[in-house]
Amino acid sequence: MKFFITGVGGQLGYDVMNELVKRGHEGVGSDIAPEYNGIMDGTPVTTMPYVSLDITDAQAVEKIIEEIKPDAVIHCAAWTAVDLAEDDDKIEMVRAINADGTQNIANVCKKLGCKMTYISTDYVFDGQGTKPWQPDCTDYNPLNVYGQTKLQGELAVRATLEKYFIVRIAWVFGINGKNFIQTMLRVGKTHEAVRVVNDQIGTPTYTHDLARLLIDMNETDKYGYYHATNEGGYISWYDFTREIYRQAGLKTEVIPVTTEEYGLSKAVRPFNSRLDKKKLVEAGFEPLPTWQDALNRYLTSYKSLQEQGDTYGSDSSNKMSD
């Protein structure tokens, strides 16, 4: 199969490109940067097929994707800086990327008759209650601009296409960009104690594992909505941080606090980010490994890259909430 991947400068798009290489699929990556700069198995990679693309430019999107003629598009590009999205001077840009940019891609996929995978988020829900959200639930009520614009992207794909996968994820971490784990490791090495919220509940998603699942999906025609995070049970950010420090061998004290006590976030965040993933198994897809195992593998890769002195891709917009 021939794939076109957006957002390859970030955590997920980078891993998807590497997964395509491993499986022998043909892949063309894109991002806003003039050139691709990533890593693969600890080695800098700059030779993958790549095209610079601004997804908010409808004509450019149509021209480039039509020239490539992919069998499937995996749309990983997004504005994910959740707090920054709340700024009045950023809202229009966030919507242009997450909603209008997604519509631009969906329009070309419809014209070409190719598959499209849209990466969405737990933030399309209001995070109330304690029951896990179901993939086909339409009880949307996003609490912030990021969630609102990602929902608009979902609805654009659903209204435009029949051959689509809408995959909601949460608490993302990957080797090619900034994420919560890196932040906690950095803080843990310079502080004796850290305060972390314990009333936001969900499950982390390792992009290395998710990339495998996305290609699995695209090798089928089992279209629809799915939830995909790592297995291992629902946890809080406090629980996650404790396990990060345990596996990393850090003795930093982790102090649980409520979201209200923490009080630093501009955007309202959901308390309940539990995503039900049973539909994956029902469709015959292999679930992602446990988040504990994923964390262990991530820390091993992260340590190896630090020791080699490699420079990461700079997904500066990526926050812990996507």
C-alpha atoms as a PDB file:
ATOM      1  CA  MET A   1       0.000   0.000   0.000  1.00  0.00           C
ATOM      2  CA  LYS A   2       0.974   3.602  -0.516  1.00  0.00           C
ATOM      3  CA  PHE A   3       0.450   5.949   2.435  1.00  0.00           C
ATOM      4  CA  PHE A   4       0.526   9.703   2.883  1.00  0.00           C
ATOM      5  CA  ILE A   5       1.240  10.777   6.471  1.00  0.00           C
ATOM      6  CA  THR A   6       0.756  14.282   7.862  1.00  0.00           C
ATOM      7  CA  GLY A   7       2.548  15.573  10.946  1.00  0.00           C
ATOM      8  CA  VAL A   8       5.677  13.427  10.649  1.00  0.00           C
ATOM      9  CA  GLY A   9       7.665  15.980  12.629  1.00  0.00           C
ATOM     10  CA  GLY A  10       5.713  15.036  15.745  1.00  0.00           C
ATOM     11  CA  GLN A  11       5.619  11.985  17.959  1.00  0.00           C
ATOM     12  CA  LEU A  12       2.966   9.877  16.219  1.00  0.00           C
ATOM     13  CA  GLY A  13       3.654  10.788  12.611  1.00  0.00           C
ATOM     14  CA  TYR A  14       7.320   9.948  13.109  1.00  0.00           C
ATOM     15  CA  ASP A  15       6.491   6.491  14.480  1.00  0.00           C
ATOM     16  CA  VAL A  16       3.959   5.819  11.734  1.00  0.00           C
ATOM     17  CA  MET A  17       6.586   6.550   9.081  1.00  0.00           C
ATOM     18  CA  ASN A  18       9.034   4.189  10.742  1.00  0.00           C
ATOM     19  CA  GLU A  19       6.377   1.470  10.995  1.00  0.00           C
ATOM     20  CA  LEU A  20       5.707   1.777   7.273  1.00  0.00           C
ATOM     21  CA  VAL A  21       9.396   1.303   6.542  1.00  0.00           C
ATOM     22  CA  LYS A  22       9.527  -1.803   8.737  1.00  0.00           C
ATOM     23  CA  ARG A  23       6.566  -3.360   6.933  1.00  0.00           C
ATOM     24  CA  GLY A  24       7.709  -2.533   3.440  1.00  0.00           C
ATOM     25  CA  HIS A  25       4.878  -0.140   2.644  1.00  0.00           C
ATOM     26  CA  GLU A  26       5.502   2.954   0.562  1.00  0.00           C
ATOM     27  CA  GLY A  27       5.122   6.105   2.620  1.00  0.00           C
ATOM     28  CA  VAL A  28       5.358   9.825   1.927  1.00  0.00           C
ATOM     29  CA  GLY A  29       5.505  12.101   4.940  1.00  0.00           C
ATOM     30  CA  SER A  30       4.582  15.750   5.317  1.00  0.00           C
ATOM     31  CA  ASP A  31       4.755  18.565   7.838  1.00  0.00           C
ATOM     32  CA  ILE A  32       5.039  22.332   7.879  1.00  0.00           C
ATOM     33  CA  ALA A  33       8.862  22.289   8.122  1.00  0.00           C
ATOM     34  CA  PRO A  34      10.873  22.658   4.891  1.00  0.00           C
ATOM     35  CA  GLU A  35      12.734  19.372   5.507  1.00  0.00           C
ATOM     36  CA  TYR A  36      12.068  16.202   7.495  1.00  0.00           C
ATOM     37  CA  ASN A  37      14.206  15.739  10.585  1.00  0.00           C
ATOM     38  CA  GLY A  38      13.619  12.662  12.693  1.00  0.00           C
ATOM     39  CA  ILE A  39      15.257   9.596  14.161  1.00  0.00           C
ATOM     40  CA  MET A  40      14.904   5.883  13.518  1.00  0.00           C
ATOM     41  CA  ASP A  41      16.278   3.306  15.905  1.00  0.00           C
ATOM     42  CA  GLY A  42      18.584   5.944  17.362  1.00  0.00           C
ATOM     43  CA  THR A  43      19.840   7.140  13.981  1.00  0.00           C
ATOM     44  CA  PRO A  44      18.978  10.537  12.454  1.00  0.00           C
ATOM     45  CA  VAL A  45      16.793  10.112   9.375  1.00  0.00           C
ATOM     46  CA  THR A  46      16.514  12.756   6.683  1.00  0.00           C
ATOM     47  CA  THR A  47      16.061  10.636   3.553  1.00  0.00           C
ATOM     48  CA  MET A  48      12.455   9.454   3.880  1.00  0.00           C
ATOM     49  CA  PRO A  49      10.120  10.678   1.111  1.00  0.00           C
ATOM     50  CA  TYR A  50       8.898  14.017   2.409  1.00  0.00           C
ATOM     51  CA  VAL A  51       7.006  17.070   1.234  1.00  0.00           C
ATOM     52  CA  SER A  52       6.476  20.333   3.078  1.00  0.00           C
ATOM     53  CA  LEU A  53       2.752  21.049   3.362  1.00  0.00           C
ATOM     54  CA  ASP A  54       0.547  23.601   5.092  1.00  0.00           C
ATOM     55  CA  ILE A  55      -2.727  21.715   5.569  1.00  0.00           C
ATOM     56  CA  THR A  56      -4.655  24.982   5.891  1.00  0.00           C
ATOM     57  CA  ASP A  57      -3.885  25.696   2.212  1.00  0.00           C
ATOM     58  CA  ALA A  58      -6.662  23.809   0.424  1.00  0.00           C
ATOM     59  CA  GLN A  59      -5.126  24.165  -3.036  1.00  0.00           C
ATOM     60  CA  ALA A  60      -1.733  22.906  -1.871  1.00  0.00           C
ATOM     61  CA  VAL A  61      -3.353  19.957  -0.087  1.00  0.00           C
ATOM     62  CA  GLU A  62      -5.277  18.986  -3.203  1.00  0.00           C
ATOM     63  CA  LYS A  63      -2.284  19.356  -5.512  1.00  0.00           C
ATOM     64  CA  ILE A  64       0.172  17.378  -3.387  1.00  0.00           C
ATOM     65  CA  ILE A  65      -2.115  14.507  -2.417  1.00  0.00           C
ATOM     66  CA  GLU A  66      -3.413  14.152  -5.976  1.00  0.00           C
ATOM     67  CA  GLU A  67       0.169  13.921  -7.234  1.00  0.00           C
ATOM     68  CA  ILE A  68       1.055  11.248  -4.656  1.00  0.00           C
ATOM     69  CA  LYS A  69      -2.145   9.234  -5.210  1.00  0.00           C
ATOM     70  CA  PRO A  70      -2.041   7.341  -1.892  1.00  0.00           C
ATOM     71  CA  ASP A  71      -4.195   4.354  -1.026  1.00  0.00           C
ATOM     72  CA  ALA A  72      -4.537   5.736   2.506  1.00  0.00           C
ATOM     73  CA  VAL A  73      -3.923   8.990   4.365  1.00  0.00           C
ATOM     74  CA  ILE A  74      -3.092   8.960   8.076  1.00  0.00           C
ATOM     75  CA  HIS A  75      -3.687  12.456   9.397  1.00  0.00           C
ATOM     76  CA  CYS A  76      -1.477  13.007  12.464  1.00  0.00           C
ATOM     77  CA  ALA A  77      -0.921  16.756  12.109  1.00  0.00           C
ATOM     78  CA  ALA A  78      -2.743  18.905  14.654  1.00  0.00           C
ATOM     79  CA  TRP A  79      -2.481  21.864  16.953  1.00  0.00           C
ATOM     80  CA  THR A  80      -2.071  20.229  20.375  1.00  0.00           C
ATOM     81  CA  ALA A  81      -0.918  23.084  22.614  1.00  0.00           C
ATOM     82  CA  VAL A  82      -4.069  22.985  24.720  1.00  0.00           C
ATOM     83  CA  ASP A  83      -3.533  26.014  26.951  1.00  0.00           C
ATOM     84  CA  LEU A  84      -2.150  28.203  24.172  1.00  0.00           C
ATOM     85  CA  ALA A  85      -5.241  27.405  22.098  1.00  0.00           C
ATOM     86  CA  GLU A  86      -7.324  29.406  24.581  1.00  0.00           C
ATOM     87  CA  ASP A  87      -5.601  32.679  23.659  1.00  0.00           C
ATOM     88  CA  ASP A  88      -7.857  34.973  21.654  1.00  0.00           C
ATOM     89  CA  ASP A  89      -5.199  35.523  19.017  1.00  0.00           C
ATOM     90  CA  LYS A  90      -4.679  31.771  18.517  1.00  0.00           C
ATOM     91  CA  ILE A  91      -8.251  30.433  18.292  1.00  0.00           C
ATOM     92  CA  GLU A  92      -8.644  31.158  14.577  1.00  0.00           C
ATOM     93  CA  MET A  93      -5.350  29.431  13.801  1.00  0.00           C
ATOM     94  CA  VAL A  94      -6.234  26.394  15.923  1.00  0.00           C
ATOM     95  CA  ARG A  95      -9.530  26.015  14.092  1.00  0.00           C
ATOM     96  CA  ALA A  96      -7.850  26.476  10.721  1.00  0.00           C
ATOM     97  CA  ILE A  97      -5.472  23.587  11.482  1.00  0.00           C
ATOM     98  CA  ASN A  98      -7.647  21.120  13.397  1.00  0.00           C
ATOM     99  CA  ALA A  99     -10.970  21.659  11.642  1.00  0.00           C
ATOM    100  CA  ASP A 100     -10.442  23.333   8.266  1.00  0.00           C
ATOM    101  CA  GLY A 101      -7.164  21.547   7.573  1.00  0.00           C
ATOM    102  CA  THR A 102      -8.828  18.212   8.267  1.00  0.00           C
ATOM    103  CA  GLN A 103     -11.690  19.118   5.945  1.00  0.00           C
ATOM    104  CA  ASN A 104      -9.198  19.947   3.207  1.00  0.00           C
ATOM    105  CA  ILE A 105      -7.629  16.509   3.504  1.00  0.00           C
ATOM    106  CA  ALA A 106     -10.996  14.733   3.666  1.00  0.00           C
ATOM    107  CA  ASN A 107     -12.116  16.488   0.486  1.00  0.00           C
ATOM    108  CA  VAL A 108      -9.132  15.138  -1.461  1.00  0.00           C
ATOM    109  CA  CYS A 109      -9.561  11.645  -0.001  1.00  0.00           C
ATOM    110  CA  LYS A 110     -13.159  11.672  -1.217  1.00  0.00           C
ATOM    111  CA  LYS A 111     -12.056  12.773  -4.667  1.00  0.00           C
ATOM    112  CA  LEU A 112      -9.420  10.028  -4.877  1.00  0.00           C
ATOM    113  CA  GLY A 113     -11.494   7.352  -3.134  1.00  0.00           C
ATOM    114  CA  CYS A 114      -8.714   6.610  -0.636  1.00  0.00           C
ATOM    115  CA  LYS A 115      -8.938   5.738   3.054  1.00  0.00           C
ATOM    116  CA  MET A 116      -8.446   8.374   5.729  1.00  0.00           C
ATOM    117  CA  THR A 117      -7.436   7.947   9.357  1.00  0.00           C
ATOM    118  CA  TYR A 118      -8.114  10.888  11.663  1.00  0.00           C
ATOM    119  CA  ILE A 119      -6.418  11.013  15.062  1.00  0.00           C
ATOM    120  CA  SER A 120      -8.776  12.462  17.649  1.00  0.00           C
ATOM    121  CA  THR A 121      -8.823  12.789  21.420  1.00  0.00           C
ATOM    122  CA  ASP A 122     -10.646  12.149  24.672  1.00  0.00           C
ATOM    123  CA  TYR A 123     -11.091  15.921  24.826  1.00  0.00           C
ATOM    124  CA  VAL A 124     -14.153  15.733  22.539  1.00  0.00           C
ATOM    125  CA  PHE A 125     -16.045  14.619  25.666  1.00  0.00           C
ATOM    126  CA  ASP A 126     -16.780  16.663  28.798  1.00  0.00           C
ATOM    127  CA  GLY A 127     -15.009  14.228  31.124  1.00  0.00           C
ATOM    128  CA  GLN A 128     -17.867  13.903  33.574  1.00  0.00           C
ATOM    129  CA  GLY A 129     -18.750  10.749  35.521  1.00  0.00           C
ATOM    130  CA  THR A 130     -16.630   7.636  35.856  1.00  0.00           C
ATOM    131  CA  LYS A 131     -17.886   5.351  33.076  1.00  0.00           C
ATOM    132  CA  PRO A 132     -15.497   4.768  30.165  1.00  0.00           C
ATOM    133  CA  TRP A 133     -16.485   6.613  26.999  1.00  0.00           C
ATOM    134  CA  GLN A 134     -17.636   4.375  24.143  1.00  0.00           C
ATOM    135  CA  PRO A 135     -16.183   4.853  20.640  1.00  0.00           C
ATOM    136  CA  ASP A 136     -19.589   5.385  19.033  1.00  0.00           C
ATOM    137  CA  CYS A 137     -20.846   7.743  21.741  1.00  0.00           C
ATOM    138  CA  THR A 138     -22.116  11.035  20.305  1.00  0.00           C
ATOM    139  CA  ASP A 139     -22.628  12.775  23.648  1.00  0.00           C
ATOM    140  CA  TYR A 140     -20.016  15.372  22.780  1.00  0.00           C
ATOM    141  CA  ASN A 141     -19.384  18.371  24.980  1.00  0.00           C
ATOM    142  CA  PRO A 142     -15.745  19.522  24.692  1.00  0.00           C
ATOM    143  CA  LEU A 143     -14.591  21.828  27.468  1.00  0.00           C
ATOM    144  CA  ASN A 144     -11.907  23.790  25.638  1.00  0.00           C
ATOM    145  CA  VAL A 145     -10.932  25.155  22.221  1.00  0.00           C
ATOM    146  CA  TYR A 146      -8.631  22.247  21.469  1.00  0.00           C
ATOM    147  CA  GLY A 147     -11.416  19.719  22.097  1.00  0.00           C
ATOM    148  CA  GLN A 148     -13.928  21.762  20.141  1.00  0.00           C
ATOM    149  CA  THR A 149     -11.713  21.983  17.075  1.00  0.00           C
ATOM    150  CA  LYS A 150     -10.758  18.303  17.200  1.00  0.00           C
ATOM    151  CA  LEU A 151     -14.461  17.456  17.325  1.00  0.00           C
ATOM    152  CA  GLN A 152     -15.034  19.662  14.293  1.00  0.00           C
ATOM    153  CA  GLY A 153     -12.359  17.629  12.542  1.00  0.00           C
ATOM    154  CA  GLU A 154     -14.118  14.387  13.486  1.00  0.00           C
ATOM    155  CA  LEU A 155     -17.436  15.625  12.144  1.00  0.00           C
ATOM    156  CA  ALA A 156     -15.823  16.828   8.917  1.00  0.00           C
ATOM    157  CA  VAL A 157     -14.363  13.377   8.245  1.00  0.00           C
ATOM    158  CA  ARG A 158     -17.580  11.565   9.092  1.00  0.00           C
ATOM    159  CA  ALA A 159     -19.700  13.868   6.926  1.00  0.00           C
ATOM    160  CA  THR A 160     -17.355  13.726   3.928  1.00  0.00           C
ATOM    161  CA  LEU A 161     -16.165  10.102   3.764  1.00  0.00           C
ATOM    162  CA  GLU A 162     -17.316   6.524   4.052  1.00  0.00           C
ATOM    163  CA  LYS A 163     -13.862   4.925   4.187  1.00  0.00           C
ATOM    164  CA  TYR A 164     -12.526   6.414   7.411  1.00  0.00           C
ATOM    165  CA  PHE A 165     -11.019   5.465  10.755  1.00  0.00           C
ATOM    166  CA  ILE A 166     -11.512   7.963  13.568  1.00  0.00           C
ATOM    167  CA  VAL A 167      -9.176   6.927  16.375  1.00  0.00           C
ATOM    168  CA  ARG A 168      -9.351   8.683  19.750  1.00  0.00           C
ATOM    169  CA  ILE A 169      -6.266   8.579  21.930  1.00  0.00           C
ATOM    170  CA  ALA A 170      -5.129  10.195  25.198  1.00  0.00           C
ATOM    171  CA  TRP A 171      -2.021  11.118  27.217  1.00  0.00           C
ATOM    172  CA  VAL A 172       0.367  10.693  24.308  1.00  0.00           C
ATOM    173  CA  PHE A 173       4.092  10.042  24.575  1.00  0.00           C
ATOM    174  CA  GLY A 174       6.665   9.191  21.926  1.00  0.00           C
ATOM    175  CA  ILE A 175      10.370   9.463  21.338  1.00  0.00           C
ATOM    176  CA  ASN A 176      10.268  12.178  18.653  1.00  0.00           C
ATOM    177  CA  GLY A 177       9.018  15.169  20.618  1.00  0.00           C
ATOM    178  CA  LYS A 178       8.231  16.696  23.988  1.00  0.00           C
ATOM    179  CA  ASN A 179       5.856  14.931  26.369  1.00  0.00           C
ATOM    180  CA  PHE A 180       4.788  14.495  29.989  1.00  0.00           C
ATOM    181  CA  ILE A 181       7.398  11.821  30.759  1.00  0.00           C
ATOM    182  CA  GLN A 182      10.277  14.011  29.643  1.00  0.00           C
ATOM    183  CA  THR A 183       8.925  16.883  31.732  1.00  0.00           C
ATOM    184  CA  MET A 184       8.608  14.714  34.834  1.00  0.00           C
ATOM    185  CA  LEU A 185      12.103  13.279  34.394  1.00  0.00           C
ATOM    186  CA  ARG A 186      13.577  16.745  34.062  1.00  0.00           C
ATOM    187  CA  VAL A 187      11.699  18.074  37.105  1.00  0.00           C
ATOM    188  CA  GLY A 188      12.442  14.938  39.114  1.00  0.00           C
ATOM    189  CA  LYS A 189      16.175  15.412  38.698  1.00  0.00           C
ATOM    190  CA  THR A 190      16.086  18.991  39.996  1.00  0.00           C
ATOM    191  CA  HIS A 191      13.401  18.863  42.713  1.00  0.00           C
ATOM    192  CA  GLU A 192      12.978  16.818  45.865  1.00  0.00           C
ATOM    193  CA  ALA A 193       9.187  16.803  45.444  1.00  0.00           C
ATOM    194  CA  VAL A 194       6.651  17.449  42.672  1.00  0.00           C
ATOM    195  CA  ARG A 195       2.917  18.151  42.801  1.00  0.00           C
ATOM    196  CA  VAL A 196       0.819  16.154  40.314  1.00  0.00           C
ATOM    197  CA  VAL A 197      -2.952  16.017  39.847  1.00  0.00           C
ATOM    198  CA  ASN A 198      -4.708  12.863  41.000  1.00  0.00           C
ATOM    199  CA  ASP A 199      -8.304  13.555  39.930  1.00  0.00           C
ATOM    200  CA  GLN A 200      -7.867  13.333  36.150  1.00  0.00           C
ATOM    201  CA  ILE A 201      -8.191   9.665  35.159  1.00  0.00           C
ATOM    202  CA  GLY A 202      -7.216   8.000  31.897  1.00  0.00           C
ATOM    203  CA  THR A 203      -4.598   5.820  30.209  1.00  0.00           C
ATOM    204  CA  PRO A 204      -1.357   6.766  28.388  1.00  0.00           C
ATOM    205  CA  THR A 205      -0.757   6.077  24.707  1.00  0.00           C
ATOM    206  CA  TYR A 206       2.716   5.177  23.411  1.00  0.00           C
ATOM    207  CA  THR A 207       2.958   6.305  19.795  1.00  0.00           C
ATOM    208  CA  HIS A 208       5.300   3.432  18.905  1.00  0.00           C
ATOM    209  CA  ASP A 209       2.520   0.971  19.774  1.00  0.00           C
ATOM    210  CA  LEU A 210      -0.252   3.074  18.260  1.00  0.00           C
ATOM    211  CA  ALA A 211       1.590   3.287  14.933  1.00  0.00           C
ATOM    212  CA  ARG A 212       1.482  -0.498  14.617  1.00  0.00           C
ATOM    213  CA  LEU A 213      -2.264  -0.509  15.259  1.00  0.00           C
ATOM    214  CA  LEU A 214      -2.960   2.240  12.734  1.00  0.00           C
ATOM    215  CA  ILE A 215      -1.228   0.313   9.967  1.00  0.00           C
ATOM    216  CA  ASP A 216      -3.081  -2.846  11.046  1.00  0.00           C
ATOM    217  CA  MET A 217      -6.350  -0.938  10.668  1.00  0.00           C
ATOM    218  CA  ASN A 218      -5.480   0.436   7.264  1.00  0.00           C
ATOM    219  CA  GLU A 219      -4.721  -3.036   5.979  1.00  0.00           C
ATOM    220  CA  THR A 220      -8.442  -3.775   6.505  1.00  0.00           C
ATOM    221  CA  ASP A 221     -11.771  -2.186   5.628  1.00  0.00           C
ATOM    222  CA  LYS A 222     -13.137  -2.269   9.183  1.00  0.00           C
ATOM    223  CA  TYR A 223     -13.968   1.414   9.175  1.00  0.00           C
ATOM    224  CA  GLY A 224     -15.471   3.482  11.964  1.00  0.00           C
ATOM    225  CA  TYR A 225     -14.721   4.982  15.360  1.00  0.00           C
ATOM    226  CA  TYR A 226     -12.177   3.394  17.705  1.00  0.00           C
ATOM    227  CA  HIS A 227     -10.492   4.153  21.002  1.00  0.00           C
ATOM    228  CA  ALA A 228      -6.826   3.216  21.261  1.00  0.00           C
ATOM    229  CA  THR A 229      -4.698   3.696  24.356  1.00  0.00           C
ATOM    230  CA  ASN A 230      -2.354   1.251  26.021  1.00  0.00           C
ATOM    231  CA  GLU A 231      -3.777  -1.461  28.257  1.00  0.00           C
ATOM    232  CA  GLY A 232      -2.870  -1.755  31.941  1.00  0.00           C
ATOM    233  CA  GLY A 233      -5.796  -0.061  33.670  1.00  0.00           C
ATOM    234  CA  TYR A 234      -6.982   3.486  34.259  1.00  0.00           C
ATOM    235  CA  ILE A 235      -4.720   5.756  36.283  1.00  0.00           C
ATOM    236  CA  SER A 236      -4.221   9.383  37.319  1.00  0.00           C
ATOM    237  CA  TRP A 237      -1.328  11.622  36.333  1.00  0.00           C
ATOM    238  CA  TYR A 238      -0.140  11.133  39.926  1.00  0.00           C
ATOM    239  CA  ASP A 239      -0.081   7.340  39.430  1.00  0.00           C
ATOM    240  CA  PHE A 240       1.717   7.741  36.127  1.00  0.00           C
ATOM    241  CA  THR A 241       4.371   9.981  37.651  1.00  0.00           C
ATOM    242  CA  ARG A 242       5.046   7.564  40.497  1.00  0.00           C
ATOM    243  CA  GLU A 243       5.615   4.751  38.010  1.00  0.00           C
ATOM    244  CA  ILE A 244       7.841   6.958  35.852  1.00  0.00           C
ATOM    245  CA  TYR A 245      10.069   7.678  38.845  1.00  0.00           C
ATOM    246  CA  ARG A 246      10.022   4.058  40.020  1.00  0.00           C
ATOM    247  CA  GLN A 247      11.163   2.750  36.646  1.00  0.00           C
ATOM    248  CA  ALA A 248      13.669   5.576  36.213  1.00  0.00           C
ATOM    249  CA  GLY A 249      15.155   4.968  39.662  1.00  0.00           C
ATOM    250  CA  LEU A 250      14.375   8.468  40.942  1.00  0.00           C
ATOM    251  CA  LYS A 251      13.534   9.064  44.612  1.00  0.00           C
ATOM    252  CA  THR A 252      11.581  12.279  44.021  1.00  0.00           C
ATOM    253  CA  GLU A 253       8.508  12.561  46.241  1.00  0.00           C
ATOM    254  CA  VAL A 254       5.230  12.801  44.319  1.00  0.00           C
ATOM    255  CA  ILE A 255       2.536  14.809  46.114  1.00  0.00           C
ATOM    256  CA  PRO A 256      -1.076  14.243  44.968  1.00  0.00           C
ATOM    257  CA  VAL A 257      -3.177  17.369  44.472  1.00  0.00           C
ATOM    258  CA  THR A 258      -6.560  18.141  42.937  1.00  0.00           C
ATOM    259  CA  THR A 259      -6.883  19.978  39.645  1.00  0.00           C
ATOM    260  CA  GLU A 260      -8.199  22.965  41.578  1.00  0.00           C
ATOM    261  CA  GLU A 261      -5.221  22.899  43.942  1.00  0.00           C
ATOM    262  CA  TYR A 262      -2.788  22.611  41.040  1.00  0.00           C
ATOM    263  CA  GLY A 263      -4.385  25.615  39.394  1.00  0.00           C
ATOM    264  CA  LEU A 264      -1.908  26.322  36.586  1.00  0.00           C
ATOM    265  CA  SER A 265      -3.865  25.343  33.471  1.00  0.00           C
ATOM    266  CA  LYS A 266      -5.606  27.924  31.318  1.00  0.00           C
ATOM    267  CA  ALA A 267      -7.780  25.359  29.515  1.00  0.00           C
ATOM    268  CA  VAL A 268     -10.381  23.317  31.368  1.00  0.00           C
ATOM    269  CA  ARG A 269      -9.409  19.644  31.324  1.00  0.00           C
ATOM    270  CA  PRO A 270     -11.678  16.590  31.627  1.00  0.00           C
ATOM    271  CA  PHE A 271     -11.615  14.562  34.837  1.00  0.00           C
ATOM    272  CA  ASN A 272     -12.792  11.370  33.159  1.00  0.00           C
ATOM    273  CA  SER A 273     -10.626  10.390  30.188  1.00  0.00           C
ATOM    274  CA  ARG A 274     -11.414   6.682  30.426  1.00  0.00           C
ATOM    275  CA  LEU A 275     -11.734   5.345  26.879  1.00  0.00           C
ATOM    276  CA  ASP A 276     -13.373   1.963  26.316  1.00  0.00           C
ATOM    277  CA  LYS A 277     -11.286  -0.101  23.879  1.00  0.00           C
ATOM    278  CA  LYS A 278     -13.317  -3.321  23.597  1.00  0.00           C
ATOM    279  CA  LYS A 279     -14.272  -2.473  20.019  1.00  0.00           C
ATOM    280  CA  LEU A 280     -10.667  -3.057  18.941  1.00  0.00           C
ATOM    281  CA  VAL A 281     -10.804  -6.687  20.049  1.00  0.00           C
ATOM    282  CA  GLU A 282     -14.301  -7.140  18.636  1.00  0.00           C
ATOM    283  CA  ALA A 283     -12.989  -5.988  15.254  1.00  0.00           C
ATOM    284  CA  GLY A 284     -10.076  -8.427  15.451  1.00  0.00           C
ATOM    285  CA  PHE A 285      -7.319  -5.920  16.155  1.00  0.00           C
ATOM    286  CA  GLU A 286      -4.507  -6.615  18.605  1.00  0.00           C
ATOM    287  CA  PRO A 287      -4.706  -4.291  21.630  1.00  0.00           C
ATOM    288  CA  LEU A 288      -1.758  -2.151  22.617  1.00  0.00           C
ATOM    289  CA  PRO A 289       0.559  -3.551  25.339  1.00  0.00           C
ATOM    290  CA  THR A 290       0.216  -2.316  28.911  1.00  0.00           C
ATOM    291  CA  TRP A 291       1.259   1.249  29.610  1.00  0.00           C
ATOM    292  CA  GLN A 292       3.724  -0.053  32.223  1.00  0.00           C
ATOM    293  CA  ASP A 293       5.491  -2.090  29.542  1.00  0.00           C
ATOM    294  CA  ALA A 294       5.301   0.809  27.099  1.00  0.00           C
ATOM    295  CA  LEU A 295       6.854   3.135  29.659  1.00  0.00           C
ATOM    296  CA  ASN A 296       9.709   0.697  30.221  1.00  0.00           C
ATOM    297  CA  ARG A 297      10.450   0.505  26.497  1.00  0.00           C
ATOM    298  CA  TYR A 298      10.179   4.263  26.116  1.00  0.00           C
ATOM    299  CA  LEU A 299      12.595   4.923  28.981  1.00  0.00           C
ATOM    300  CA  THR A 300      15.080   2.479  27.464  1.00  0.00           C
ATOM    301  CA  SER A 301      14.937   4.265  24.105  1.00  0.00           C
ATOM    302  CA  TYR A 302      15.049   7.683  25.743  1.00  0.00           C
ATOM    303  CA  LYS A 303      18.128   6.758  27.767  1.00  0.00           C
ATOM    304  CA  SER A 304      19.847   5.326  24.700  1.00  0.00           C
ATOM    305  CA  LEU A 305      19.254   8.495  22.717  1.00  0.00           C
ATOM    306  CA  GLN A 306      20.515  10.665  25.554  1.00  0.00           C
ATOM    307  CA  GLU A 307      23.682   8.602  25.771  1.00  0.00           C
ATOM    308  CA  GLN A 308      24.219   8.944  22.037  1.00  0.00           C
ATOM    309  CA  GLY A 309      23.678  12.680  22.242  1.00  0.00           C
ATOM    310  CA  ASP A 310      21.128  12.632  19.429  1.00  0.00           C
ATOM    311  CA  THR A 311      18.927  15.617  18.737  1.00  0.00           C
ATOM    312  CA  TYR A 312      15.200  14.947  18.750  1.00  0.00           C
ATOM    313  CA  GLY A 313      12.515  16.207  16.434  1.00  0.00           C
ATOM    314  CA  SER A 314      11.133  19.390  17.945  1.00  0.00           C
ATOM    315  CA  ASP A 315       7.389  18.930  18.230  1.00  0.00           C
ATOM    316  CA  SER A 316       7.177  22.032  20.379  1.00  0.00           C
ATOM    317  CA  SER A 317       3.378  22.180  20.249  1.00  0.00           C
ATOM    318  CA  ASN A 318       2.828  18.737  21.722  1.00  0.00           C
ATOM    319  CA  LYS A 319       1.436  18.680  25.240  1.00  0.00           C
ATOM    320  CA  MET A 320       0.488  15.875  27.562  1.00  0.00           C
ATOM    321  CA  SER A 321      -3.190  16.162  26.768  1.00  0.00           C
ATOM    322  CA  ASP A 322      -3.481  14.860  23.223  1.00  0.00           C
END
